[in-house]
N, C-alpha and C. Protein backbone atom coordinates (compact mmCIF):
# COMPACT_ATOMS: atom_id res chain seq x y z
N MET A 1 0.84 -1.19 0.00
CA MET A 1 0.00 0.00 0.00
C MET A 1 0.88 1.25 0.00
N ASN A 2 0.49 2.19 -0.84
CA ASN A 2 1.20 3.46 -0.95
C ASN A 2 0.26 4.61 -0.59
N ASP A 3 0.86 5.69 -0.12
CA ASP A 3 0.08 6.90 0.15
C ASP A 3 -0.03 7.70 -1.14
N TYR A 4 -1.25 8.08 -1.50
CA TYR A 4 -1.49 8.84 -2.72
C TYR A 4 -2.35 10.05 -2.42
N GLU A 5 -2.30 10.99 -3.33
CA GLU A 5 -3.25 12.09 -3.32
C GLU A 5 -3.65 12.38 -4.77
N ILE A 6 -4.89 12.76 -4.92
CA ILE A 6 -5.42 13.12 -6.24
C ILE A 6 -5.98 14.53 -6.13
N LEU A 7 -5.55 15.38 -7.03
CA LEU A 7 -6.13 16.71 -7.12
C LEU A 7 -7.11 16.68 -8.28
N LEU A 8 -8.37 16.83 -7.95
CA LEU A 8 -9.44 16.82 -8.96
C LEU A 8 -9.77 18.24 -9.36
N LEU A 9 -9.92 18.45 -10.65
CA LEU A 9 -10.38 19.73 -11.18
C LEU A 9 -11.71 19.45 -11.86
N LEU A 10 -12.77 19.88 -11.22
CA LEU A 10 -14.12 19.61 -11.71
C LEU A 10 -14.70 20.85 -12.38
N ASP A 11 -15.67 20.59 -13.25
CA ASP A 11 -16.37 21.67 -13.94
C ASP A 11 -17.07 22.55 -12.88
N PRO A 12 -16.82 23.86 -12.90
CA PRO A 12 -17.42 24.72 -11.87
C PRO A 12 -18.93 24.86 -12.00
N GLU A 13 -19.48 24.52 -13.16
CA GLU A 13 -20.93 24.64 -13.36
C GLU A 13 -21.69 23.42 -12.87
N LEU A 14 -20.95 22.39 -12.42
CA LEU A 14 -21.63 21.22 -11.86
C LEU A 14 -22.27 21.59 -10.53
N PRO A 15 -23.46 21.08 -10.26
CA PRO A 15 -24.05 21.32 -8.94
C PRO A 15 -23.23 20.60 -7.86
N ASP A 16 -23.33 21.09 -6.63
CA ASP A 16 -22.59 20.49 -5.52
C ASP A 16 -22.91 19.01 -5.34
N GLU A 17 -24.15 18.62 -5.61
CA GLU A 17 -24.54 17.21 -5.46
C GLU A 17 -23.74 16.33 -6.42
N ARG A 18 -23.56 16.79 -7.65
CA ARG A 18 -22.82 16.01 -8.65
C ARG A 18 -21.34 15.96 -8.28
N GLN A 19 -20.77 17.05 -7.78
CA GLN A 19 -19.37 17.06 -7.35
C GLN A 19 -19.17 16.07 -6.21
N ASN A 20 -20.10 16.07 -5.25
CA ASN A 20 -20.01 15.12 -4.12
C ASN A 20 -20.17 13.68 -4.59
N GLU A 21 -21.01 13.48 -5.61
CA GLU A 21 -21.22 12.14 -6.15
C GLU A 21 -19.92 11.60 -6.78
N ILE A 22 -19.17 12.44 -7.49
CA ILE A 22 -17.89 12.04 -8.09
C ILE A 22 -16.89 11.66 -7.01
N VAL A 23 -16.83 12.47 -5.95
CA VAL A 23 -15.90 12.19 -4.85
C VAL A 23 -16.31 10.90 -4.14
N THR A 24 -17.60 10.70 -3.91
CA THR A 24 -18.10 9.50 -3.24
C THR A 24 -17.79 8.25 -4.06
N ARG A 25 -18.01 8.32 -5.36
CA ARG A 25 -17.73 7.16 -6.22
C ARG A 25 -16.24 6.84 -6.23
N THR A 26 -15.38 7.87 -6.19
CA THR A 26 -13.94 7.65 -6.11
C THR A 26 -13.58 6.96 -4.80
N ARG A 27 -14.19 7.41 -3.71
CA ARG A 27 -13.94 6.80 -2.39
C ARG A 27 -14.37 5.33 -2.39
N GLU A 28 -15.52 5.03 -2.97
CA GLU A 28 -16.00 3.64 -3.01
C GLU A 28 -15.06 2.76 -3.82
N THR A 29 -14.54 3.28 -4.93
CA THR A 29 -13.61 2.51 -5.77
C THR A 29 -12.33 2.22 -5.00
N ILE A 30 -11.85 3.16 -4.23
CA ILE A 30 -10.63 2.96 -3.43
C ILE A 30 -10.88 1.91 -2.35
N GLU A 31 -12.00 2.00 -1.67
CA GLU A 31 -12.28 1.05 -0.59
C GLU A 31 -12.56 -0.35 -1.12
N LYS A 32 -13.17 -0.47 -2.33
CA LYS A 32 -13.37 -1.79 -2.94
C LYS A 32 -12.05 -2.45 -3.30
N GLY A 33 -11.06 -1.63 -3.67
CA GLY A 33 -9.75 -2.15 -4.04
C GLY A 33 -8.87 -2.46 -2.85
N GLY A 34 -9.38 -2.32 -1.64
CA GLY A 34 -8.59 -2.63 -0.45
C GLY A 34 -7.86 -1.44 0.13
N GLY A 35 -8.08 -0.26 -0.38
CA GLY A 35 -7.40 0.93 0.13
C GLY A 35 -8.15 1.56 1.29
N THR A 36 -7.54 2.52 1.91
CA THR A 36 -8.16 3.24 3.02
C THR A 36 -8.23 4.72 2.67
N TRP A 37 -9.38 5.29 2.89
CA TRP A 37 -9.65 6.70 2.62
C TRP A 37 -9.08 7.53 3.76
N ALA A 38 -8.33 8.59 3.45
CA ALA A 38 -7.74 9.41 4.49
C ALA A 38 -8.49 10.74 4.65
N ASP A 39 -8.67 11.49 3.55
CA ASP A 39 -9.24 12.83 3.70
C ASP A 39 -9.75 13.35 2.36
N HIS A 40 -10.69 14.26 2.45
CA HIS A 40 -11.20 15.00 1.29
C HIS A 40 -11.24 16.46 1.69
N GLN A 41 -10.52 17.28 0.94
CA GLN A 41 -10.51 18.73 1.20
C GLN A 41 -11.02 19.47 -0.03
N PRO A 42 -12.22 20.03 0.06
CA PRO A 42 -12.68 20.85 -1.07
C PRO A 42 -11.98 22.22 -1.02
N TRP A 43 -11.21 22.52 -2.05
CA TRP A 43 -10.50 23.79 -2.11
C TRP A 43 -11.35 24.89 -2.69
N GLY A 44 -12.44 24.53 -3.30
CA GLY A 44 -13.35 25.54 -3.82
C GLY A 44 -13.04 25.95 -5.24
N ARG A 45 -13.75 26.97 -5.67
CA ARG A 45 -13.66 27.48 -7.04
C ARG A 45 -12.48 28.42 -7.14
N ARG A 46 -11.65 28.19 -8.17
CA ARG A 46 -10.47 29.02 -8.39
C ARG A 46 -10.31 29.32 -9.87
N ARG A 47 -9.63 30.40 -10.15
CA ARG A 47 -9.37 30.82 -11.52
C ARG A 47 -8.26 29.95 -12.12
N LEU A 48 -8.45 29.55 -13.37
CA LEU A 48 -7.47 28.73 -14.07
C LEU A 48 -6.40 29.60 -14.72
N SER A 49 -5.23 29.05 -14.92
CA SER A 49 -4.17 29.77 -15.60
C SER A 49 -4.48 29.95 -17.08
N TYR A 50 -5.16 28.97 -17.64
CA TYR A 50 -5.57 29.03 -19.04
C TYR A 50 -6.92 28.37 -19.18
N GLU A 51 -7.64 28.71 -20.21
CA GLU A 51 -8.98 28.16 -20.39
C GLU A 51 -8.92 26.68 -20.72
N ILE A 52 -9.87 25.94 -20.16
CA ILE A 52 -10.06 24.52 -20.48
C ILE A 52 -11.52 24.39 -20.89
N ASP A 53 -11.76 23.94 -22.11
CA ASP A 53 -13.12 23.81 -22.64
C ASP A 53 -13.91 25.12 -22.50
N HIS A 54 -13.27 26.22 -22.78
CA HIS A 54 -13.88 27.56 -22.74
C HIS A 54 -14.33 27.95 -21.33
N LYS A 55 -13.70 27.38 -20.31
CA LYS A 55 -14.01 27.73 -18.92
C LYS A 55 -12.78 28.36 -18.29
N THR A 56 -13.00 29.42 -17.51
CA THR A 56 -11.89 30.12 -16.89
C THR A 56 -11.73 29.78 -15.41
N ASP A 57 -12.71 29.05 -14.83
CA ASP A 57 -12.66 28.66 -13.42
C ASP A 57 -12.79 27.15 -13.31
N GLY A 58 -12.42 26.65 -12.14
CA GLY A 58 -12.57 25.22 -11.87
C GLY A 58 -12.80 25.01 -10.39
N ALA A 59 -13.45 23.88 -10.05
CA ALA A 59 -13.68 23.52 -8.66
C ALA A 59 -12.64 22.45 -8.28
N TYR A 60 -11.81 22.76 -7.30
CA TYR A 60 -10.72 21.88 -6.90
C TYR A 60 -11.10 21.06 -5.67
N HIS A 61 -10.66 19.78 -5.68
CA HIS A 61 -10.85 18.88 -4.54
C HIS A 61 -9.56 18.08 -4.37
N LEU A 62 -9.07 18.00 -3.14
CA LEU A 62 -7.88 17.20 -2.86
C LEU A 62 -8.31 15.95 -2.11
N LEU A 63 -8.00 14.78 -2.68
CA LEU A 63 -8.35 13.49 -2.08
C LEU A 63 -7.06 12.81 -1.65
N THR A 64 -7.01 12.33 -0.41
CA THR A 64 -5.83 11.60 0.08
C THR A 64 -6.27 10.22 0.55
N PHE A 65 -5.45 9.22 0.24
CA PHE A 65 -5.80 7.83 0.57
C PHE A 65 -4.58 6.94 0.45
N ASP A 66 -4.71 5.71 0.97
CA ASP A 66 -3.71 4.66 0.82
C ASP A 66 -4.33 3.59 -0.05
N ALA A 67 -3.56 3.10 -1.04
CA ALA A 67 -4.10 2.08 -1.92
C ALA A 67 -2.96 1.37 -2.65
N ALA A 68 -3.31 0.27 -3.26
CA ALA A 68 -2.37 -0.47 -4.11
C ALA A 68 -2.28 0.25 -5.46
N PRO A 69 -1.17 0.08 -6.18
CA PRO A 69 -1.04 0.73 -7.49
C PRO A 69 -2.14 0.34 -8.48
N GLU A 70 -2.63 -0.90 -8.40
CA GLU A 70 -3.70 -1.34 -9.30
C GLU A 70 -4.99 -0.56 -9.03
N THR A 71 -5.26 -0.28 -7.77
CA THR A 71 -6.45 0.49 -7.40
C THR A 71 -6.33 1.92 -7.93
N LEU A 72 -5.14 2.49 -7.83
CA LEU A 72 -4.93 3.85 -8.35
C LEU A 72 -5.15 3.88 -9.86
N ASP A 73 -4.70 2.84 -10.56
CA ASP A 73 -4.91 2.77 -12.00
C ASP A 73 -6.41 2.75 -12.33
N GLU A 74 -7.18 1.99 -11.57
CA GLU A 74 -8.62 1.91 -11.80
C GLU A 74 -9.30 3.26 -11.51
N VAL A 75 -8.90 3.92 -10.43
CA VAL A 75 -9.47 5.23 -10.09
C VAL A 75 -9.17 6.23 -11.20
N SER A 76 -7.95 6.24 -11.70
CA SER A 76 -7.58 7.17 -12.78
C SER A 76 -8.36 6.87 -14.06
N ARG A 77 -8.56 5.58 -14.36
CA ARG A 77 -9.32 5.21 -15.55
C ARG A 77 -10.76 5.71 -15.45
N VAL A 78 -11.38 5.55 -14.28
CA VAL A 78 -12.75 5.99 -14.08
C VAL A 78 -12.85 7.52 -14.15
N LEU A 79 -11.89 8.22 -13.56
CA LEU A 79 -11.91 9.69 -13.59
C LEU A 79 -11.72 10.23 -15.01
N ARG A 80 -10.93 9.54 -15.83
CA ARG A 80 -10.71 9.98 -17.21
C ARG A 80 -11.99 9.97 -18.03
N ILE A 81 -12.90 9.03 -17.75
CA ILE A 81 -14.11 8.92 -18.56
C ILE A 81 -15.33 9.54 -17.90
N THR A 82 -15.16 10.12 -16.72
CA THR A 82 -16.28 10.70 -16.00
C THR A 82 -16.56 12.11 -16.51
N ASP A 83 -17.82 12.35 -16.87
CA ASP A 83 -18.22 13.70 -17.27
C ASP A 83 -18.15 14.62 -16.06
N GLY A 84 -17.67 15.83 -16.28
CA GLY A 84 -17.57 16.80 -15.20
C GLY A 84 -16.17 16.90 -14.63
N VAL A 85 -15.31 15.90 -14.90
CA VAL A 85 -13.92 15.97 -14.45
C VAL A 85 -13.12 16.59 -15.58
N MET A 86 -12.63 17.81 -15.34
CA MET A 86 -11.86 18.50 -16.37
C MET A 86 -10.42 17.97 -16.41
N ARG A 87 -9.81 17.79 -15.25
CA ARG A 87 -8.45 17.25 -15.12
C ARG A 87 -8.35 16.55 -13.77
N HIS A 88 -7.38 15.64 -13.67
CA HIS A 88 -7.03 15.07 -12.37
C HIS A 88 -5.56 14.71 -12.40
N LEU A 89 -4.94 14.75 -11.22
CA LEU A 89 -3.52 14.43 -11.11
C LEU A 89 -3.33 13.57 -9.87
N ALA A 90 -2.85 12.36 -10.08
CA ALA A 90 -2.59 11.44 -8.98
C ALA A 90 -1.08 11.35 -8.76
N VAL A 91 -0.64 11.59 -7.53
CA VAL A 91 0.78 11.53 -7.19
C VAL A 91 0.95 10.82 -5.84
N ARG A 92 2.17 10.33 -5.59
CA ARG A 92 2.45 9.76 -4.28
C ARG A 92 2.57 10.88 -3.28
N ARG A 93 1.97 10.67 -2.14
CA ARG A 93 1.94 11.71 -1.11
C ARG A 93 3.27 11.72 -0.35
N VAL A 94 3.78 12.92 -0.11
CA VAL A 94 5.00 13.10 0.65
C VAL A 94 4.62 13.29 2.10
N LYS A 95 5.21 12.49 2.97
CA LYS A 95 4.89 12.61 4.40
C LYS A 95 5.40 13.95 4.92
N GLY A 96 4.56 14.62 5.69
CA GLY A 96 4.93 15.90 6.26
C GLY A 96 4.67 17.09 5.35
N ALA A 97 4.19 16.86 4.16
CA ALA A 97 3.91 17.97 3.24
C ALA A 97 2.63 18.69 3.67
N SER A 98 2.54 19.94 3.29
CA SER A 98 1.37 20.75 3.64
C SER A 98 0.15 20.24 2.88
N MET A 99 -0.97 20.20 3.56
CA MET A 99 -2.22 19.76 2.94
C MET A 99 -3.17 20.92 2.69
N ARG A 100 -2.75 22.12 3.04
CA ARG A 100 -3.67 23.23 2.86
C ARG A 100 -3.56 23.79 1.45
N PRO A 101 -4.64 24.35 0.97
CA PRO A 101 -4.64 24.88 -0.39
C PRO A 101 -3.76 26.12 -0.51
N PRO A 102 -3.24 26.39 -1.69
CA PRO A 102 -2.47 27.62 -1.88
C PRO A 102 -3.36 28.84 -1.71
N ASP A 103 -2.75 29.93 -1.32
CA ASP A 103 -3.50 31.18 -1.16
C ASP A 103 -4.03 31.63 -2.51
N PRO A 104 -5.27 32.12 -2.55
CA PRO A 104 -5.79 32.60 -3.84
C PRO A 104 -5.08 33.87 -4.26
N THR A 105 -4.89 34.00 -5.55
CA THR A 105 -4.26 35.21 -6.08
C THR A 105 -5.33 36.26 -6.30
N PRO A 106 -4.97 37.53 -6.20
CA PRO A 106 -5.99 38.57 -6.45
C PRO A 106 -6.51 38.43 -7.87
N GLU A 107 -7.80 38.50 -8.00
CA GLU A 107 -8.42 38.30 -9.30
C GLU A 107 -8.37 39.59 -10.11
N GLU A 108 -7.98 39.44 -11.36
CA GLU A 108 -7.93 40.58 -12.26
C GLU A 108 -9.33 40.88 -12.75
N PRO A 109 -9.62 42.13 -13.07
CA PRO A 109 -10.94 42.43 -13.64
C PRO A 109 -11.07 41.74 -14.99
N ARG A 110 -12.22 41.19 -15.24
CA ARG A 110 -12.45 40.47 -16.49
C ARG A 110 -12.76 41.45 -17.60
N ARG A 111 -12.22 41.15 -18.76
CA ARG A 111 -12.49 41.97 -19.93
C ARG A 111 -13.47 41.22 -20.81
N GLU A 112 -14.35 41.96 -21.42
CA GLU A 112 -15.36 41.34 -22.28
C GLU A 112 -14.74 40.82 -23.57
N ALA A 113 -13.97 41.66 -24.23
CA ALA A 113 -13.34 41.25 -25.48
C ALA A 113 -11.83 41.25 -25.27
N PRO A 114 -11.13 40.26 -25.79
CA PRO A 114 -9.69 40.26 -25.62
C PRO A 114 -9.06 41.42 -26.38
N ARG A 115 -8.10 42.03 -25.75
CA ARG A 115 -7.42 43.17 -26.34
C ARG A 115 -6.28 42.67 -27.22
N ARG A 116 -6.23 43.20 -28.42
CA ARG A 116 -5.15 42.81 -29.32
C ARG A 116 -3.97 43.71 -29.08
N GLU A 117 -2.84 43.10 -28.89
CA GLU A 117 -1.62 43.86 -28.68
C GLU A 117 -0.68 43.62 -29.84
N GLU A 118 0.07 44.65 -30.17
CA GLU A 118 1.08 44.51 -31.21
C GLU A 118 2.21 43.67 -30.63
N PRO A 119 2.80 42.82 -31.44
CA PRO A 119 3.92 42.02 -30.94
C PRO A 119 5.09 42.93 -30.59
N ARG A 120 5.74 42.60 -29.52
CA ARG A 120 6.87 43.40 -29.08
C ARG A 120 8.07 43.10 -29.97
N ARG A 121 8.76 44.14 -30.32
CA ARG A 121 9.97 43.96 -31.10
C ARG A 121 11.15 44.11 -30.16
N GLU A 122 11.84 43.04 -29.98
CA GLU A 122 12.98 43.07 -29.08
C GLU A 122 14.23 43.39 -29.88
N GLU A 123 15.06 44.24 -29.30
CA GLU A 123 16.31 44.57 -29.95
C GLU A 123 17.29 43.44 -29.68
N PRO A 124 17.99 43.00 -30.72
CA PRO A 124 19.00 41.96 -30.50
C PRO A 124 20.09 42.48 -29.58
N ARG A 125 20.67 41.60 -28.83
CA ARG A 125 21.74 42.01 -27.91
C ARG A 125 22.96 42.42 -28.70
N GLY A 126 23.70 43.35 -28.15
CA GLY A 126 24.93 43.78 -28.79
C GLY A 126 24.74 45.00 -29.69
N GLU A 127 23.55 45.37 -29.99
CA GLU A 127 23.33 46.56 -30.82
C GLU A 127 23.27 47.78 -29.93
N ALA A 128 23.38 48.93 -30.57
CA ALA A 128 23.34 50.19 -29.83
C ALA A 128 21.93 50.39 -29.26
N PRO A 129 21.83 51.02 -28.10
CA PRO A 129 20.52 51.29 -27.53
C PRO A 129 19.73 52.27 -28.40
N SER A 130 18.48 52.40 -28.09
CA SER A 130 17.61 53.26 -28.89
C SER A 130 18.04 54.71 -28.79
N ALA A 131 17.59 55.51 -29.73
CA ALA A 131 17.98 56.91 -29.81
C ALA A 131 17.37 57.73 -28.69
N GLU A 132 16.38 57.21 -28.01
CA GLU A 132 15.71 57.96 -26.95
C GLU A 132 16.61 58.16 -25.74
N GLU A 133 17.45 57.18 -25.45
CA GLU A 133 18.28 57.26 -24.27
C GLU A 133 19.74 57.38 -24.68
N PRO A 134 20.38 58.51 -24.42
CA PRO A 134 21.80 58.61 -24.75
C PRO A 134 22.60 57.76 -23.78
N SER A 135 23.61 57.11 -24.28
CA SER A 135 24.42 56.27 -23.41
C SER A 135 25.83 56.85 -23.34
N ALA A 136 26.65 56.23 -22.53
CA ALA A 136 28.01 56.71 -22.36
C ALA A 136 28.83 56.48 -23.62
N GLU A 137 28.51 55.47 -24.42
CA GLU A 137 29.27 55.18 -25.63
C GLU A 137 28.97 56.21 -26.72
N GLU A 138 27.74 56.67 -26.78
CA GLU A 138 27.36 57.60 -27.84
C GLU A 138 27.49 59.04 -27.34
N PRO A 139 28.23 59.87 -28.08
CA PRO A 139 28.30 61.27 -27.65
C PRO A 139 26.99 61.97 -27.97
N SER A 140 26.65 62.93 -27.14
CA SER A 140 25.43 63.68 -27.39
C SER A 140 25.69 64.74 -28.45
N ALA A 141 24.65 65.37 -28.93
CA ALA A 141 24.77 66.37 -29.99
C ALA A 141 25.54 67.60 -29.52
N GLU A 142 25.51 67.89 -28.22
CA GLU A 142 26.16 69.09 -27.71
C GLU A 142 27.67 68.90 -27.60
N GLU A 143 28.14 67.70 -27.33
CA GLU A 143 29.55 67.47 -27.09
C GLU A 143 30.20 66.92 -28.36
N PRO A 144 31.27 67.58 -28.85
CA PRO A 144 31.96 67.02 -30.02
C PRO A 144 32.77 65.80 -29.60
N SER A 145 32.85 64.83 -30.48
CA SER A 145 33.60 63.63 -30.15
C SER A 145 35.01 63.73 -30.68
N ALA A 146 35.85 62.82 -30.23
CA ALA A 146 37.24 62.84 -30.67
C ALA A 146 37.35 62.37 -32.11
N GLU A 147 36.45 61.49 -32.55
CA GLU A 147 36.52 60.98 -33.91
C GLU A 147 36.03 61.99 -34.94
N GLU A 148 35.03 62.76 -34.59
CA GLU A 148 34.44 63.70 -35.53
C GLU A 148 35.09 65.06 -35.38
N PRO A 149 35.56 65.64 -36.47
CA PRO A 149 36.16 66.98 -36.35
C PRO A 149 35.09 68.03 -36.12
N SER A 150 35.43 69.03 -35.34
CA SER A 150 34.47 70.10 -35.11
C SER A 150 34.52 71.06 -36.29
N PRO A 151 33.47 71.83 -36.49
CA PRO A 151 33.46 72.74 -37.64
C PRO A 151 34.56 73.79 -37.59
N GLU A 152 35.07 74.13 -36.39
CA GLU A 152 36.09 75.15 -36.27
C GLU A 152 37.47 74.62 -36.66
N GLU A 153 37.73 73.32 -36.48
CA GLU A 153 39.05 72.78 -36.75
C GLU A 153 39.16 72.36 -38.21
N PRO A 154 40.23 72.77 -38.88
CA PRO A 154 40.41 72.33 -40.28
C PRO A 154 40.85 70.87 -40.31
N VAL A 155 40.45 70.20 -41.34
CA VAL A 155 40.83 68.81 -41.49
C VAL A 155 42.05 68.76 -42.38
N ALA A 156 43.10 68.17 -41.90
CA ALA A 156 44.34 68.08 -42.68
C ALA A 156 44.33 66.78 -43.45
N ALA A 157 44.70 66.86 -44.70
CA ALA A 157 44.79 65.64 -45.51
C ALA A 157 46.12 64.99 -45.25
N ALA A 158 46.14 63.71 -45.24
CA ALA A 158 47.37 62.97 -44.99
C ALA A 158 48.23 63.03 -46.24
N PRO A 159 49.50 63.33 -46.08
CA PRO A 159 50.36 63.39 -47.27
C PRO A 159 50.55 62.00 -47.86
N VAL A 160 50.53 61.94 -49.17
CA VAL A 160 50.71 60.67 -49.85
C VAL A 160 52.15 60.61 -50.30
N SER A 161 52.84 59.61 -49.90
CA SER A 161 54.24 59.48 -50.28
C SER A 161 54.31 58.54 -51.47
N SER A 162 55.13 58.86 -52.45
CA SER A 162 55.23 58.03 -53.64
C SER A 162 56.03 56.78 -53.38
N GLN A 163 56.82 56.77 -52.31
CA GLN A 163 57.62 55.60 -52.01
C GLN A 163 56.76 54.45 -51.47
N ASP A 164 55.72 54.79 -50.75
CA ASP A 164 54.90 53.76 -50.11
C ASP A 164 53.94 53.11 -51.08
N SER A 165 53.53 53.81 -52.09
CA SER A 165 52.50 53.26 -52.97
C SER A 165 53.06 52.96 -54.33
N GLU A 166 52.47 52.04 -55.02
CA GLU A 166 52.85 51.65 -56.36
C GLU A 166 52.22 52.64 -57.34
N PRO A 167 52.84 52.90 -58.49
CA PRO A 167 52.21 53.79 -59.46
C PRO A 167 50.98 53.11 -60.04
N GLU A 168 49.98 53.91 -60.30
CA GLU A 168 48.74 53.37 -60.84
C GLU A 168 48.93 52.99 -62.29
N GLU A 169 48.29 51.90 -62.67
CA GLU A 169 48.34 51.50 -64.05
C GLU A 169 47.18 52.16 -64.77
N THR A 170 47.44 52.72 -65.89
CA THR A 170 46.39 53.32 -66.70
C THR A 170 46.19 52.47 -67.93
N ALA A 171 45.13 52.75 -68.60
CA ALA A 171 44.83 51.98 -69.80
C ALA A 171 45.90 52.18 -70.86
N GLU A 172 46.53 53.38 -70.94
CA GLU A 172 47.55 53.65 -71.93
C GLU A 172 48.82 52.85 -71.65
N SER A 173 49.19 52.75 -70.36
CA SER A 173 50.41 52.02 -70.05
C SER A 173 50.25 50.53 -70.27
N VAL A 174 49.04 50.00 -70.10
CA VAL A 174 48.80 48.58 -70.31
C VAL A 174 48.85 48.27 -71.80
N GLU A 175 48.30 49.17 -72.65
CA GLU A 175 48.27 48.95 -74.09
C GLU A 175 49.65 49.07 -74.68
N GLY A 176 50.51 49.92 -74.13
CA GLY A 176 51.82 50.16 -74.67
C GLY A 176 52.79 49.03 -74.41
N GLU A 177 52.55 48.18 -73.55
CA GLU A 177 53.46 47.12 -73.20
C GLU A 177 53.42 45.97 -74.13
């Protein structure tokens, strides 16, 4: 016998009688298989992270029990085909773990129509930052940089030495050879 827990996610539109009937039938299946029922904690209605079957809420129930692995397989098979069970997760129970439900998150106001957002354009790493924010690498318009000559300073052309460079070939010199 192993310690197990099942987190049931039931359709929130099911009446309480039907939710209790699903939990009762699960308990009977466990006890028929030789297991022992430990606890049932209804966590209540909570908002889902994503829609399941066009539903944004779900009714959570935590079931804890001891049973053989074959009994757990049968319980999971029955829950998979039961109407009203949106999801279920069966795991081995950790001794000493908290059994209380997580704190509810503050609910966001619901919007009637989904808002369309433009996709964000991310700048690839290594490129210069946007023009809105001057950075230390980019000189501002007021400060002249060392690379750019200021309008007051004349630009001197570098002298070209004939010793360093080869004479250019012209079309006339190529034809004359």
